Amino acid sequence: MRTFSDRALSIQPTGVRKMFDLAGDDTISFGLGEPDFQPPKVAIDAFHQAMLDGHNKYTTTAGLPALREQIAQSWNFYQEGLDQSNVCITMSGTNALLNLFLTLVNPGENVLLPEPYFPLYGPDVTICGGEDRYYPCKFENEFIPKIEDLEELIDENTVAILYNFPSNPTGGTLTDAQRDSLLDFARRHDLWIISDEVYDRIVFDGKHVSFMGVDYDKVLIVNSFSKTFAMTGWRIGYIISTNTEAMSQIIKMQYYITACSNDAMQYAVLAAMEKASDYPDLIAKEFKERCDLIVDRLNEMPGVECHKPKGAIYVFPKVNVKGMNSEEVALELLKDGVLCSPGSAFGPSGEGHLRFAYTISKEDISRGMDKVEATLKRLNGL
């Protein structure tokens, strides 16, 4: 007798959560990508006040008009003329991703996804009855895909490609020229571009290179307030696009996923955007200092090579310990009091890597790196 759907049985828990669940209370955690800051006080106060003012009801499916307008205005740097009709508020960036795949993908169609990858991408496509096809983002190319690798995966059933820059888990970022090359590939094959840009405000030594504002009308951008305003538990994100037909379908789909987003919380996010607009820049400055520290420490260790990311909140070093895979190395580190994620949790090409989220204080990073160095020396017989 059948008990559960093939859909449910076809997806598995992520390796990131598996490691997190094994950690003890005294473990130094480089595991989850969750900023160790609180949301701006003005947003917390606005959340409280909005509830007192009675904003505890259903809202429109697309979200609070004033918030949607504010979001649209914030993207006018890349694309003039945006307004609230170009925005749909979602219950987190992960909700936004599932919405887009449900809107775009039919059973039997396929989507090109980056590898190493954010672990939700593939299962979302599977849930929709589609096929996930992974294109490599290799260490030797600073985690930027090569067009020839993309061309090998394309066929008549390919409907979309997902780009994620700055990247989770690698921290990889794009130049304008690289973005234009990836854009040209999608345009030549008439693919939807899903651009996951949730780390757009956490960029070091330069500007964020977005797919907003490009000369192509099949671009759908996912964003979130989780990382840039330290609101991971608030679960507020959005989709933004200049494609009005797509937005109509997305908003319709959003109703059947969650009906609408949190009422009072949307007022709180609006307050953050209006009154604490510099907050993402302040935390990005701190993250850059942490990034510099952890990369310098890792590159001093035996068997480790680490690029210095230009964005996001992760490093993804190559870690060579003879006779051990990435999960085995991560478990040894966990025994010694340090939690990180094995590269294999982000796809087969992540093997040989570890992911460290630098979302803890510089003091804890230093203490954690001392432990990592000691463990790697022990494992390498030094």
Protein backbone atom coordinates (compact mmCIF):
# COMPACT_ATOMS: atom_id res chain seq x y z
CA MET A 1 0.00 0.00 0.00
CA ARG A 2 1.36 3.41 -0.96
CA THR A 3 1.87 5.73 2.02
CA PHE A 4 3.48 8.94 0.77
CA SER A 5 3.76 10.79 -2.52
CA ASP A 6 6.68 10.20 -4.85
CA ARG A 7 7.23 13.94 -4.56
CA ALA A 8 7.89 13.75 -0.83
CA LEU A 9 10.01 10.61 -1.07
CA SER A 10 12.18 12.06 -3.85
CA ILE A 11 13.64 14.88 -1.75
CA GLN A 12 16.05 14.49 1.16
CA PRO A 13 17.07 16.61 4.18
CA THR A 14 20.03 18.89 3.47
CA GLY A 15 23.54 18.07 4.65
CA VAL A 16 23.82 21.53 6.20
CA ARG A 17 21.02 20.84 8.68
CA LYS A 18 22.39 17.37 9.38
CA MET A 19 25.65 18.85 10.70
CA PHE A 20 23.82 21.58 12.61
CA ASP A 21 21.72 19.00 14.45
CA LEU A 22 24.87 17.20 15.64
CA ALA A 23 26.47 20.29 17.20
CA GLY A 24 26.78 20.77 20.96
CA ASP A 25 26.01 23.94 22.89
CA ASP A 26 29.69 24.91 23.21
CA THR A 27 30.49 24.41 19.53
CA ILE A 28 31.89 27.36 17.57
CA SER A 29 29.47 27.47 14.67
CA PHE A 30 30.38 28.41 11.11
CA GLY A 31 27.34 26.43 9.98
CA LEU A 32 24.15 28.27 9.11
CA GLY A 33 24.19 31.40 6.98
CA GLU A 34 22.46 33.54 9.58
CA PRO A 35 23.83 37.01 10.43
CA ASP A 36 24.55 37.42 14.14
CA PHE A 37 22.95 40.87 14.19
CA GLN A 38 19.47 42.00 15.15
CA PRO A 39 17.19 43.88 12.75
CA PRO A 40 17.34 47.67 12.99
CA LYS A 41 15.60 48.89 16.14
CA VAL A 42 13.37 51.14 14.08
CA ALA A 43 12.01 48.05 12.34
CA ILE A 44 11.37 46.19 15.60
CA ASP A 45 9.58 49.23 17.02
CA ALA A 46 7.52 49.57 13.82
CA PHE A 47 6.57 45.88 14.00
CA HIS A 48 5.29 46.33 17.54
CA GLN A 49 3.43 49.52 16.69
CA ALA A 50 1.85 48.01 13.60
CA MET A 51 0.36 45.20 15.70
CA LEU A 52 -0.93 47.73 18.24
CA ASP A 53 -2.45 49.68 15.36
CA GLY A 54 -4.43 46.65 14.26
CA HIS A 55 -2.33 45.46 11.33
CA ASN A 56 -2.95 41.81 12.17
CA LYS A 57 -5.16 40.80 9.26
CA TYR A 58 -4.96 39.43 5.74
CA THR A 59 -3.28 41.69 3.21
CA THR A 60 -3.38 41.76 -0.56
CA THR A 61 -1.67 38.78 -2.16
CA ALA A 62 1.04 40.89 -3.80
CA GLY A 63 1.77 42.70 -0.54
CA LEU A 64 1.52 46.11 1.07
CA PRO A 65 1.42 48.68 -1.76
CA ALA A 66 3.68 51.15 0.07
CA LEU A 67 6.32 48.46 0.64
CA ARG A 68 6.15 47.27 -2.94
CA GLU A 69 6.57 50.84 -4.13
CA GLN A 70 9.55 51.37 -1.82
CA ILE A 71 11.19 48.18 -3.11
CA ALA A 72 10.59 49.25 -6.70
CA GLN A 73 12.18 52.63 -6.03
CA SER A 74 15.23 50.94 -4.49
CA TRP A 75 15.83 49.13 -7.80
CA ASN A 76 15.51 52.24 -9.95
CA PHE A 77 19.30 52.49 -9.68
CA TYR A 78 19.38 49.57 -12.13
CA GLN A 79 16.11 50.07 -14.03
CA GLU A 80 14.12 53.29 -14.31
CA GLY A 81 10.33 53.28 -14.25
CA LEU A 82 9.72 50.43 -11.82
CA ASP A 83 6.67 50.62 -9.58
CA GLN A 84 4.67 48.41 -7.23
CA SER A 85 3.22 46.41 -10.14
CA ASN A 86 6.70 44.98 -10.69
CA VAL A 87 6.92 43.51 -7.15
CA CYS A 88 5.35 40.60 -5.30
CA ILE A 89 6.05 40.21 -1.57
CA THR A 90 6.69 36.60 -0.52
CA MET A 91 7.11 34.71 2.72
CA SER A 92 10.93 34.60 2.35
CA GLY A 93 13.25 34.18 -0.59
CA THR A 94 12.73 30.41 -0.42
CA ASN A 95 8.99 30.92 -0.91
CA ALA A 96 9.83 33.15 -3.88
CA LEU A 97 11.94 30.41 -5.47
CA LEU A 98 9.24 27.76 -5.16
CA ASN A 99 6.70 30.23 -6.56
CA LEU A 100 8.87 30.84 -9.63
CA PHE A 101 9.51 27.17 -10.34
CA LEU A 102 5.80 26.38 -9.96
CA THR A 103 5.01 29.23 -12.34
CA LEU A 104 7.57 28.31 -15.00
CA VAL A 105 8.23 24.57 -14.99
CA ASN A 106 6.06 21.79 -16.42
CA PRO A 107 6.69 18.09 -15.73
CA GLY A 108 9.41 16.83 -18.06
CA GLU A 109 11.05 20.23 -18.49
CA ASN A 110 14.43 21.05 -17.05
CA VAL A 111 16.16 23.95 -15.33
CA LEU A 112 19.89 24.69 -15.30
CA LEU A 113 21.17 25.21 -11.76
CA PRO A 114 24.60 26.11 -10.36
CA GLU A 115 26.79 23.61 -8.58
CA PRO A 116 27.95 23.99 -5.84
CA TYR A 117 24.43 25.09 -5.01
CA PHE A 118 22.05 26.41 -2.40
CA PRO A 119 20.42 23.10 -1.37
CA LEU A 120 16.80 24.15 -2.03
CA TYR A 121 17.15 24.72 -5.78
CA GLY A 122 17.09 21.13 -7.00
CA PRO A 123 14.33 19.82 -4.72
CA ASP A 124 12.14 22.78 -5.70
CA VAL A 125 12.44 21.79 -9.36
CA THR A 126 11.74 18.16 -8.45
CA ILE A 127 8.62 19.14 -6.52
CA CYS A 128 7.37 20.79 -9.71
CA GLY A 129 7.95 17.61 -11.72
CA GLY A 130 10.94 19.07 -13.53
CA GLU A 131 14.51 17.89 -13.95
CA ASP A 132 17.41 19.64 -12.25
CA ARG A 133 20.52 19.94 -14.42
CA TYR A 134 23.64 21.27 -12.78
CA TYR A 135 26.28 23.40 -14.42
CA PRO A 136 29.71 23.51 -12.75
CA CYS A 137 31.07 26.60 -11.01
CA LYS A 138 34.68 25.57 -10.52
CA PHE A 139 37.26 26.71 -7.97
CA GLU A 140 39.84 27.34 -10.69
CA ASN A 141 37.45 29.81 -12.37
CA GLU A 142 36.60 31.53 -9.08
CA PHE A 143 33.22 29.77 -9.17
CA ILE A 144 31.99 31.49 -12.37
CA PRO A 145 30.46 29.10 -14.95
CA LYS A 146 31.90 28.69 -18.42
CA ILE A 147 29.55 29.04 -21.38
CA GLU A 148 30.79 25.81 -22.97
CA ASP A 149 29.69 23.90 -19.86
CA LEU A 150 26.24 25.46 -20.09
CA GLU A 151 25.92 24.62 -23.78
CA GLU A 152 26.46 20.93 -23.04
CA LEU A 153 23.35 20.83 -20.85
CA ILE A 154 20.83 22.65 -23.00
CA ASP A 155 18.08 20.89 -24.97
CA GLU A 156 14.56 21.56 -26.25
CA ASN A 157 13.10 20.97 -22.77
CA THR A 158 15.26 23.55 -21.00
CA VAL A 159 13.05 26.43 -19.86
CA ALA A 160 15.12 28.40 -17.35
CA ILE A 161 18.54 28.98 -15.86
CA LEU A 162 19.18 30.09 -12.31
CA TYR A 163 22.10 32.36 -11.44
CA ASN A 164 23.13 33.11 -7.86
CA PHE A 165 25.59 35.96 -7.35
CA PRO A 166 26.89 36.75 -4.81
CA SER A 167 26.80 33.01 -4.27
CA ASN A 168 25.87 30.71 -1.47
CA PRO A 169 28.02 28.66 -0.80
CA THR A 170 31.03 30.01 -2.67
CA GLY A 171 30.88 33.79 -2.28
CA GLY A 172 31.49 34.11 -6.02
CA THR A 173 30.56 37.41 -7.70
CA LEU A 174 30.26 38.62 -11.30
CA THR A 175 31.92 41.29 -13.37
CA ASP A 176 29.82 43.20 -15.89
CA ALA A 177 31.45 41.24 -18.72
CA GLN A 178 30.71 37.89 -17.08
CA ARG A 179 27.10 38.92 -16.47
CA ASP A 180 26.71 39.95 -20.10
CA SER A 181 28.09 36.61 -21.29
CA LEU A 182 25.62 34.68 -19.10
CA LEU A 183 22.82 36.96 -20.28
CA ASP A 184 23.71 36.31 -23.93
CA PHE A 185 23.59 32.55 -23.33
CA ALA A 186 20.07 32.77 -21.87
CA ARG A 187 18.89 35.11 -24.62
CA ARG A 188 20.20 32.85 -27.42
CA HIS A 189 18.27 29.91 -25.99
CA ASP A 190 15.17 31.91 -25.00
CA LEU A 191 15.46 30.89 -21.34
CA TRP A 192 13.91 32.49 -18.31
CA ILE A 193 16.60 33.88 -16.03
CA ILE A 194 15.93 33.39 -12.32
CA SER A 195 18.51 35.56 -10.57
CA ASP A 196 18.89 34.90 -6.85
CA GLU A 197 20.35 38.17 -5.57
CA VAL A 198 19.64 37.93 -1.84
CA TYR A 199 23.21 39.04 -1.02
CA ASP A 200 23.09 42.10 -3.30
CA ARG A 201 23.88 44.52 -0.47
CA ILE A 202 26.68 42.41 1.02
CA VAL A 203 29.35 43.12 -1.58
CA PHE A 204 32.97 44.10 -0.88
CA ASP A 205 35.34 46.25 -2.96
CA GLY A 206 32.96 47.18 -5.72
CA LYS A 207 29.33 47.25 -6.78
CA HIS A 208 26.76 44.52 -7.08
CA VAL A 209 26.33 43.36 -10.68
CA SER A 210 22.63 42.65 -11.19
CA PHE A 211 20.53 41.12 -13.94
CA MET A 212 18.04 43.94 -13.38
CA GLY A 213 18.23 46.56 -16.11
CA VAL A 214 19.58 44.26 -18.83
CA ASP A 215 18.08 44.27 -22.32
CA TYR A 216 16.01 41.09 -21.90
CA ASP A 217 12.40 40.74 -20.77
CA LYS A 218 12.59 37.22 -19.29
CA VAL A 219 14.42 38.13 -16.07
CA LEU A 220 12.93 37.35 -12.65
CA ILE A 221 14.86 38.46 -9.58
CA VAL A 222 14.53 36.91 -6.13
CA ASN A 223 15.51 38.92 -3.09
CA SER A 224 15.02 38.85 0.66
CA PHE A 225 15.48 40.93 3.79
CA SER A 226 16.87 37.97 5.74
CA LYS A 227 20.56 38.65 5.18
CA THR A 228 20.77 42.35 4.42
CA PHE A 229 18.58 43.44 7.35
CA ALA A 230 19.29 40.42 9.62
CA MET A 231 15.66 39.30 9.47
CA THR A 232 16.09 35.55 8.86
CA GLY A 233 13.28 34.67 11.27
CA TRP A 234 10.88 37.21 9.82
CA ARG A 235 10.55 35.34 6.50
CA ILE A 236 9.99 38.26 4.17
CA GLY A 237 11.23 38.30 0.59
CA TYR A 238 10.06 39.36 -2.84
CA ILE A 239 10.14 38.81 -6.58
CA ILE A 240 10.76 41.75 -8.90
CA SER A 241 10.55 41.83 -12.68
CA THR A 242 9.76 44.16 -15.57
CA ASN A 243 7.77 41.34 -17.23
CA THR A 244 4.16 42.27 -16.42
CA GLU A 245 2.68 39.03 -17.76
CA ALA A 246 5.04 36.99 -15.58
CA MET A 247 4.23 39.09 -12.52
CA SER A 248 0.52 38.45 -13.06
CA GLN A 249 1.10 34.70 -13.06
CA ILE A 250 3.47 34.91 -10.07
CA ILE A 251 0.98 36.87 -7.98
CA LYS A 252 -1.74 34.37 -8.85
CA MET A 253 0.51 31.49 -7.80
CA GLN A 254 1.44 33.28 -4.58
CA TYR A 255 -2.19 33.24 -3.48
CA TYR A 256 -2.31 29.46 -3.65
CA ILE A 257 1.01 29.07 -1.81
CA THR A 258 0.45 31.40 1.18
CA ALA A 259 -2.51 33.69 0.34
CA CYS A 260 -0.52 36.70 1.53
CA SER A 261 2.46 37.74 3.65
CA ASN A 262 2.55 38.88 7.28
CA ASP A 263 0.63 42.13 7.76
CA ALA A 264 2.47 43.92 10.59
CA MET A 265 5.87 42.68 9.46
CA GLN A 266 5.52 44.41 6.11
CA TYR A 267 5.16 47.73 7.92
CA ALA A 268 8.30 46.90 9.88
CA VAL A 269 10.29 46.15 6.72
CA LEU A 270 9.00 49.38 5.18
CA ALA A 271 10.28 51.29 8.23
CA ALA A 272 13.68 49.64 7.86
CA MET A 273 13.92 50.63 4.21
CA GLU A 274 12.82 54.21 4.88
CA LYS A 275 14.66 54.93 8.14
CA ALA A 276 17.62 52.52 8.24
CA SER A 277 18.59 52.32 4.59
CA ASP A 278 22.30 52.36 5.49
CA TYR A 279 22.00 49.28 7.71
CA PRO A 280 23.07 46.77 5.01
CA ASP A 281 26.19 48.83 4.29
CA LEU A 282 27.10 48.84 7.98
CA ILE A 283 26.88 45.08 8.33
CA ALA A 284 28.66 44.57 4.98
CA LYS A 285 31.62 46.51 6.37
CA GLU A 286 31.78 44.16 9.36
CA PHE A 287 31.43 41.10 7.14
CA LYS A 288 34.33 42.26 4.97
CA GLU A 289 36.60 42.47 8.02
CA ARG A 290 35.54 38.98 9.05
CA CYS A 291 36.06 37.70 5.51
CA ASP A 292 39.60 39.07 5.39
CA LEU A 293 40.38 37.47 8.75
CA ILE A 294 39.07 34.00 7.98
CA VAL A 295 40.58 33.83 4.48
CA ASP A 296 44.01 34.87 5.74
CA ARG A 297 43.87 32.28 8.52
CA LEU A 298 42.70 29.47 6.23
CA ASN A 299 45.38 30.12 3.63
CA GLU A 300 48.04 29.68 6.31
CA MET A 301 46.85 26.13 7.08
CA PRO A 302 48.23 22.86 5.67
CA GLY A 303 46.38 21.56 2.61
CA VAL A 304 44.05 24.56 2.33
CA GLU A 305 43.45 26.91 -0.61
CA CYS A 306 40.85 29.66 -0.27
CA HIS A 307 39.69 32.40 -2.63
CA LYS A 308 38.85 35.72 -1.01
CA PRO A 309 35.15 36.31 -1.79
CA LYS A 310 33.90 39.69 -2.92
CA GLY A 311 30.45 39.19 -1.46
CA ALA A 312 27.98 37.12 0.59
CA ILE A 313 28.92 35.64 3.99
CA TYR A 314 30.75 32.41 3.14
CA VAL A 315 34.13 31.02 2.23
CA PHE A 316 34.42 27.72 0.34
CA PRO A 317 38.05 26.58 0.62
CA LYS A 318 39.58 23.47 -0.90
CA VAL A 319 40.73 21.29 2.01
CA ASN A 320 42.97 18.34 1.25
CA VAL A 321 43.27 15.64 3.89
CA LYS A 322 44.58 12.39 2.43
CA GLY A 323 42.11 9.54 2.59
CA MET A 324 39.20 11.62 3.92
CA ASN A 325 36.20 13.15 2.19
CA SER A 326 34.66 16.49 3.13
CA GLU A 327 32.01 15.03 5.44
CA GLU A 328 34.63 13.03 7.33
CA VAL A 329 36.78 16.13 7.74
CA ALA A 330 33.76 18.16 8.89
CA LEU A 331 32.90 15.48 11.47
CA GLU A 332 36.47 15.53 12.81
CA LEU A 333 36.24 19.31 13.15
CA LEU A 334 32.92 18.91 14.93
CA LYS A 335 34.51 16.51 17.43
CA ASP A 336 37.04 19.25 18.14
CA GLY A 337 34.33 21.87 18.69
CA VAL A 338 33.94 23.54 15.29
CA LEU A 339 30.84 23.30 13.10
CA CYS A 340 31.14 23.85 9.37
CA SER A 341 29.39 22.34 6.36
CA PRO A 342 30.94 19.64 4.16
CA GLY A 343 31.25 20.68 0.55
CA SER A 344 29.37 17.57 -0.52
CA ALA A 345 26.21 19.08 1.02
CA PHE A 346 26.23 21.49 -1.95
CA GLY A 347 26.57 18.88 -4.68
CA PRO A 348 29.19 16.39 -5.90
CA SER A 349 31.49 19.13 -7.19
CA GLY A 350 31.62 20.53 -3.65
CA GLU A 351 33.54 17.46 -2.57
CA GLY A 352 36.99 18.43 -1.32
CA HIS A 353 35.67 21.73 0.05
CA LEU A 354 34.23 22.98 3.32
CA ARG A 355 31.87 25.91 3.78
CA PHE A 356 32.46 28.34 6.62
CA ALA A 357 29.86 31.05 7.28
CA TYR A 358 31.59 34.01 8.90
CA THR A 359 28.49 35.02 10.82
CA ILE A 360 30.14 35.11 14.23
CA SER A 361 32.38 37.68 15.92
CA LYS A 362 35.99 38.18 14.88
CA GLU A 363 37.03 36.86 18.29
CA ASP A 364 35.08 33.65 17.75
CA ILE A 365 36.42 33.37 14.21
CA SER A 366 39.96 33.52 15.58
CA ARG A 367 39.21 30.91 18.24
CA GLY A 368 37.50 28.71 15.70
CA MET A 369 40.37 28.98 13.22
CA ASP A 370 42.82 27.99 15.97
CA LYS A 371 40.81 24.79 16.41
CA VAL A 372 40.56 24.18 12.67
CA GLU A 373 44.31 24.59 12.25
CA ALA A 374 45.02 22.18 15.11
CA THR A 375 42.61 19.58 13.69
CA LEU A 376 44.02 19.78 10.16
CA LYS A 377 47.57 19.45 11.45
CA ARG A 378 46.53 16.37 13.42
CA LEU A 379 44.74 14.83 10.42
CA ASN A 380 47.71 15.54 8.15
CA GLY A 381 50.17 14.08 10.68
CA LEU A 382 51.96 17.37 11.30
